[in-house]
Amino acid sequence: MSDSVIIKLDGEEIDLNPFVYKIFKNAIRGMLESLDDVSGTKKVEIEINYKKELDEDS
């Protein structure tokens, strides 16, 4: 299995350009590698739920 980054907004997968793909992959990998007991991990799932609507002007 090759590396992959999948981002879904409200269940819909969004396309990532190569630059954004690399940013997400490397940032998350870097954060995880600083933690104990994550060596050998094959799959990481991160879920963020917003409690309120995002302000469209920000």
C-alpha atoms as a PDB file:
ATOM      1  CA  MET A   1       0.000   0.000   0.000  1.00  0.00           C
ATOM      2  CA  SER A   2       1.383   3.422  -0.906  1.00  0.00           C
ATOM      3  CA  ASP A   3       1.034   6.591   1.157  1.00  0.00           C
ATOM      4  CA  SER A   4      -2.248   8.400   0.749  1.00  0.00           C
ATOM      5  CA  VAL A   5      -4.017  11.383   2.246  1.00  0.00           C
ATOM      6  CA  ILE A   6      -7.796  11.615   1.981  1.00  0.00           C
ATOM      7  CA  ILE A   7      -9.725  14.609   3.252  1.00  0.00           C
ATOM      8  CA  LYS A   8     -13.498  14.598   3.367  1.00  0.00           C
ATOM      9  CA  LEU A   9     -15.754  17.536   4.135  1.00  0.00           C
ATOM     10  CA  ASP A  10     -19.212  16.433   5.246  1.00  0.00           C
ATOM     11  CA  GLY A  11     -18.493  13.022   3.740  1.00  0.00           C
ATOM     12  CA  GLU A  12     -17.387  14.368   0.348  1.00  0.00           C
ATOM     13  CA  GLU A  13     -13.787  13.701  -0.619  1.00  0.00           C
ATOM     14  CA  ILE A  14     -11.941  16.782  -1.833  1.00  0.00           C
ATOM     15  CA  ASP A  15      -9.122  16.807  -4.357  1.00  0.00           C
ATOM     16  CA  LEU A  16      -5.709  17.822  -3.082  1.00  0.00           C
ATOM     17  CA  ASN A  17      -3.053  19.275  -5.314  1.00  0.00           C
ATOM     18  CA  PRO A  18       0.455  17.809  -4.840  1.00  0.00           C
ATOM     19  CA  PHE A  19       1.643  20.717  -2.676  1.00  0.00           C
ATOM     20  CA  VAL A  20      -1.279  20.496  -0.211  1.00  0.00           C
ATOM     21  CA  TYR A  21      -1.018  16.689  -0.196  1.00  0.00           C
ATOM     22  CA  LYS A  22       2.642  16.891   0.856  1.00  0.00           C
ATOM     23  CA  ILE A  23       1.913  19.505   3.537  1.00  0.00           C
ATOM     24  CA  PHE A  24      -0.765  17.352   5.183  1.00  0.00           C
ATOM     25  CA  LYS A  25       1.198  14.112   4.870  1.00  0.00           C
ATOM     26  CA  ASN A  26       4.458  15.501   6.218  1.00  0.00           C
ATOM     27  CA  ALA A  27       2.936  17.663   8.972  1.00  0.00           C
ATOM     28  CA  ILE A  28       0.826  14.843  10.397  1.00  0.00           C
ATOM     29  CA  ARG A  29       3.633  12.296  10.047  1.00  0.00           C
ATOM     30  CA  GLY A  30       6.030  14.676  11.815  1.00  0.00           C
ATOM     31  CA  MET A  31       3.624  15.240  14.712  1.00  0.00           C
ATOM     32  CA  LEU A  32       2.975  11.515  15.105  1.00  0.00           C
ATOM     33  CA  GLU A  33       6.643  10.571  15.003  1.00  0.00           C
ATOM     34  CA  SER A  34       7.234  12.758  18.068  1.00  0.00           C
ATOM     35  CA  LEU A  35       4.802  10.588  20.071  1.00  0.00           C
ATOM     36  CA  ASP A  36       5.667   7.356  21.855  1.00  0.00           C
ATOM     37  CA  ASP A  37       4.197   4.013  20.774  1.00  0.00           C
ATOM     38  CA  VAL A  38       3.285   4.934  17.196  1.00  0.00           C
ATOM     39  CA  SER A  39       5.994   3.040  15.366  1.00  0.00           C
ATOM     40  CA  GLY A  40       4.543   0.446  13.042  1.00  0.00           C
ATOM     41  CA  THR A  41       1.255   2.310  12.662  1.00  0.00           C
ATOM     42  CA  LYS A  42      -0.273   1.615   9.251  1.00  0.00           C
ATOM     43  CA  LYS A  43      -3.357   3.834   9.238  1.00  0.00           C
ATOM     44  CA  VAL A  44      -4.167   7.120  10.977  1.00  0.00           C
ATOM     45  CA  GLU A  45      -7.655   8.604  11.132  1.00  0.00           C
ATOM     46  CA  ILE A  46      -8.254  12.158  12.273  1.00  0.00           C
ATOM     47  CA  GLU A  47     -11.776  13.467  12.654  1.00  0.00           C
ATOM     48  CA  ILE A  48     -12.645  17.070  13.451  1.00  0.00           C
ATOM     49  CA  ASN A  49     -16.250  17.995  14.198  1.00  0.00           C
ATOM     50  CA  TYR A  50     -17.248  21.631  14.345  1.00  0.00           C
ATOM     51  CA  LYS A  51     -19.804  22.581  16.978  1.00  0.00           C
ATOM     52  CA  LYS A  52     -21.001  25.598  15.024  1.00  0.00           C
ATOM     53  CA  GLU A  53     -20.994  26.814  11.455  1.00  0.00           C
ATOM     54  CA  LEU A  54     -17.780  28.354  10.206  1.00  0.00           C
ATOM     55  CA  ASP A  55     -17.980  32.078   9.622  1.00  0.00           C
ATOM     56  CA  GLU A  56     -18.015  32.549   5.841  1.00  0.00           C
ATOM     57  CA  ASP A  57     -16.202  35.886   6.127  1.00  0.00           C
ATOM     58  CA  SER A  58     -13.108  34.531   7.906  1.00  0.00           C
END
